């Protein structure tokens, strides 16, 4: 078995930052302790910051200003965060990057990767966000994507099987990924790529 190159979806990063989902946190610890190659995309980090800003906005409007939910949701893409909130969001992202700077490599798509994303998006049920994650992992030669998004798993699995690369490229939830990594590690020694 070739040593895995792991791509983590935004939700896995968010599990660490918000101290949620034990399997995700255990998985990131395993990646760190075993010094496994792990990637996240620039897009994933942008998404991480966007979700954090949206959370700050929703909390401010719902709990501080006590606005009605229908008004809050109609405004959520037009956030009006103050400098203090933006600094919190920036620190949140910096903390994640700093904590994992020697563990998770930040990658991006090149022109061929964007073409791949466009083709995957046009030929599948995946939304643009998931297509970008899949194309980034694919282009950067990952062989394991980890997410808790079951729809993403189901649809990406169809693509990978259709492309006849399912045996060498998996998409799993954190619990199955932990089991998979431990199984292949105990059954075989890692080979260099």
Protein backbone atom coordinates (compact mmCIF):
# COMPACT_ATOMS: atom_id res chain seq x y z
CA UNK A 1 0.00 0.00 0.00
CA UNK A 2 1.31 3.40 -0.91
CA UNK A 3 1.43 5.74 2.06
CA UNK A 4 -1.82 7.72 2.06
CA UNK A 5 -2.04 11.31 0.95
CA UNK A 6 -5.03 12.64 2.83
CA UNK A 7 -7.27 15.56 1.92
CA UNK A 8 -9.52 16.94 4.63
CA UNK A 9 -12.79 18.64 3.87
CA UNK A 10 -13.63 21.92 5.60
CA UNK A 11 -15.99 20.21 8.04
CA UNK A 12 -13.09 18.12 9.42
CA UNK A 13 -11.03 21.25 10.05
CA UNK A 14 -14.06 22.84 11.70
CA UNK A 15 -14.46 19.79 13.93
CA UNK A 16 -11.01 20.53 15.37
CA UNK A 17 -11.57 24.28 15.74
CA UNK A 18 -14.89 23.76 17.52
CA UNK A 19 -13.84 20.69 19.52
CA UNK A 20 -16.60 18.53 18.08
CA UNK A 21 -16.85 15.07 16.53
CA UNK A 22 -14.48 12.77 18.39
CA UNK A 23 -13.66 10.75 15.27
CA UNK A 24 -12.49 13.84 13.38
CA UNK A 25 -10.34 14.98 16.28
CA UNK A 26 -8.92 11.48 16.77
CA UNK A 27 -8.19 11.29 13.06
CA UNK A 28 -6.29 14.60 13.05
CA UNK A 29 -4.29 13.38 16.06
CA UNK A 30 -3.51 10.15 14.19
CA UNK A 31 -2.38 12.14 11.13
CA UNK A 32 -0.16 14.28 13.34
CA UNK A 33 1.32 11.38 15.35
CA UNK A 34 1.96 9.16 12.31
CA UNK A 35 3.27 12.12 10.28
CA UNK A 36 0.93 11.31 7.42
CA UNK A 37 0.79 13.67 4.47
CA UNK A 38 -2.35 15.75 4.78
CA UNK A 39 -3.72 18.55 2.61
CA UNK A 40 -6.41 21.21 2.77
CA UNK A 41 -7.21 23.66 0.00
CA UNK A 42 -7.02 27.42 0.01
CA UNK A 43 -10.70 27.21 -0.87
CA UNK A 44 -11.30 25.07 2.25
CA UNK A 45 -9.63 27.71 4.42
CA UNK A 46 -11.73 30.43 2.77
CA UNK A 47 -14.80 28.35 3.46
CA UNK A 48 -13.67 27.87 7.08
CA UNK A 49 -13.36 31.65 7.54
CA UNK A 50 -16.68 32.26 5.79
CA UNK A 51 -18.53 29.81 8.04
CA UNK A 52 -16.96 31.35 11.15
CA UNK A 53 -17.96 34.86 10.04
CA UNK A 54 -21.47 33.68 9.30
CA UNK A 55 -21.67 32.14 12.77
CA UNK A 56 -20.50 35.37 14.39
CA UNK A 57 -23.07 37.29 12.36
CA UNK A 58 -25.94 34.93 13.18
CA UNK A 59 -25.12 34.92 16.90
CA UNK A 60 -24.90 38.71 16.97
CA UNK A 61 -28.22 39.18 15.19
CA UNK A 62 -30.11 36.42 17.02
CA UNK A 63 -28.81 36.76 20.57
CA UNK A 64 -27.56 40.33 20.87
CA UNK A 65 -29.87 42.27 18.58
CA UNK A 66 -32.74 39.74 18.85
CA UNK A 67 -33.80 40.02 15.21
CA UNK A 68 -36.32 37.59 13.75
CA UNK A 69 -34.87 34.53 12.06
CA UNK A 70 -36.42 35.31 8.67
CA UNK A 71 -34.75 38.74 8.67
CA UNK A 72 -31.44 37.28 9.85
CA UNK A 73 -31.39 34.67 7.11
CA UNK A 74 -32.27 37.21 4.44
CA UNK A 75 -29.25 39.31 5.56
CA UNK A 76 -26.74 36.52 6.21
CA UNK A 77 -24.88 36.88 2.91
CA UNK A 78 -24.65 40.64 3.48
CA UNK A 79 -22.99 40.50 6.86
CA UNK A 80 -22.09 43.70 8.62
CA UNK A 81 -19.43 42.48 11.03
CA UNK A 82 -17.45 45.06 12.95
CA UNK A 83 -13.64 45.11 13.21
CA UNK A 84 -13.70 43.15 16.47
CA UNK A 85 -15.72 40.35 14.85
CA UNK A 86 -13.44 40.31 11.79
CA UNK A 87 -10.40 40.10 14.07
CA UNK A 88 -12.00 37.11 15.86
CA UNK A 89 -12.57 35.43 12.51
CA UNK A 90 -9.02 36.15 11.39
CA UNK A 91 -7.57 34.83 14.67
CA UNK A 92 -9.71 31.71 14.36
CA UNK A 93 -8.20 30.96 10.94
CA UNK A 94 -4.66 31.89 12.06
CA UNK A 95 -4.95 29.55 15.07
CA UNK A 96 -5.93 26.63 12.83
CA UNK A 97 -3.11 27.32 10.35
CA UNK A 98 -0.55 27.78 13.16
CA UNK A 99 -1.59 24.61 15.01
CA UNK A 100 -1.35 22.48 11.86
CA UNK A 101 1.42 24.33 9.98
CA UNK A 102 3.77 21.33 10.00
CA UNK A 103 0.99 18.78 9.56
CA UNK A 104 -1.44 20.05 6.95
CA UNK A 105 -0.17 21.46 3.67
CA UNK A 106 -2.26 24.15 1.98
CA UNK A 107 -2.83 23.50 -1.74
CA UNK A 108 -4.74 25.06 -4.61
CA UNK A 109 -6.00 24.26 -8.10
CA UNK A 110 -4.12 25.19 -11.26
CA UNK A 111 -5.81 25.72 -14.64
CA UNK A 112 -6.05 21.97 -15.32
CA UNK A 113 -7.59 21.48 -11.88
CA UNK A 114 -10.24 24.11 -12.58
CA UNK A 115 -11.02 22.35 -15.87
CA UNK A 116 -11.36 19.08 -13.98
CA UNK A 117 -13.67 20.78 -11.46
CA UNK A 118 -15.80 22.19 -14.26
CA UNK A 119 -16.14 18.77 -15.91
CA UNK A 120 -16.92 17.03 -12.60
CA UNK A 121 -19.52 19.66 -11.78
CA UNK A 122 -21.21 19.39 -15.16
CA UNK A 123 -21.33 15.58 -15.04
CA UNK A 124 -22.37 14.94 -11.43
CA UNK A 125 -24.85 15.87 -8.72
CA UNK A 126 -22.16 17.50 -6.59
CA UNK A 127 -22.43 21.18 -5.78
CA UNK A 128 -19.62 23.57 -6.72
CA UNK A 129 -18.11 23.52 -3.23
CA UNK A 130 -17.76 19.73 -3.14
CA UNK A 131 -16.54 19.62 -6.75
CA UNK A 132 -13.73 22.04 -5.86
CA UNK A 133 -12.71 19.84 -2.91
CA UNK A 134 -12.79 16.68 -5.04
CA UNK A 135 -10.86 18.27 -7.93
CA UNK A 136 -8.25 19.70 -5.54
CA UNK A 137 -7.69 16.33 -3.90
CA UNK A 138 -7.58 14.58 -7.27
CA UNK A 139 -5.17 17.07 -8.84
CA UNK A 140 -2.87 16.94 -5.81
CA UNK A 141 -2.73 13.13 -6.03
CA UNK A 142 -4.49 12.42 -2.78
CA UNK A 143 -5.75 8.91 -2.32
CA UNK A 144 -8.05 9.56 0.64
CA UNK A 145 -10.59 12.34 1.16
CA UNK A 146 -12.12 12.65 4.60
CA UNK A 147 -15.46 14.36 5.16
CA UNK A 148 -18.59 13.97 7.26
CA UNK A 149 -20.79 15.01 4.33
CA UNK A 150 -22.55 11.74 3.43
CA UNK A 151 -23.99 13.15 0.18
CA UNK A 152 -20.48 14.20 -0.91
CA UNK A 153 -19.22 10.70 -0.08
CA UNK A 154 -22.01 8.99 -2.02
CA UNK A 155 -21.71 11.17 -5.13
CA UNK A 156 -17.89 11.28 -5.19
CA UNK A 157 -17.79 7.50 -4.77
CA UNK A 158 -19.90 7.18 -7.95
CA UNK A 159 -17.44 9.40 -9.84
CA UNK A 160 -14.39 7.52 -8.55
CA UNK A 161 -15.93 4.15 -9.43
CA UNK A 162 -16.97 5.40 -12.88
CA UNK A 163 -13.40 6.62 -13.46
CA UNK A 164 -12.16 3.20 -12.29
CA UNK A 165 -9.95 4.69 -9.58
CA UNK A 166 -12.00 3.67 -6.52
CA UNK A 167 -9.43 1.05 -5.51
CA UNK A 168 -6.71 3.68 -5.23
CA UNK A 169 -8.73 6.75 -4.23
CA UNK A 170 -11.27 6.64 -1.39
CA UNK A 171 -13.63 9.12 0.21
CA UNK A 172 -14.60 8.19 3.76
CA UNK A 173 -16.09 9.62 6.92
CA UNK A 174 -13.67 10.05 9.88
CA UNK A 175 -14.71 6.83 11.64
CA UNK A 176 -14.20 4.69 8.53
CA UNK A 177 -11.02 6.58 7.65
CA UNK A 178 -9.52 5.83 11.08
CA UNK A 179 -10.36 2.16 10.70
CA UNK A 180 -9.00 2.12 7.14
CA UNK A 181 -5.72 3.82 8.13
CA UNK A 182 -5.19 1.53 11.11
CA UNK A 183 -6.00 -1.58 9.09
CA UNK A 184 -3.59 -0.83 6.27
CA UNK A 185 -0.92 0.30 8.70
CA UNK A 186 -1.04 -2.92 10.72
CA UNK A 187 -1.36 -5.19 7.66
CA UNK A 188 1.43 -3.64 5.62
CA UNK A 189 4.36 -1.35 5.92
CA UNK A 190 3.98 1.92 4.07
CA UNK A 191 5.79 2.13 0.76
CA UNK A 192 7.18 5.40 -0.50
CA UNK A 193 5.25 7.05 -3.31
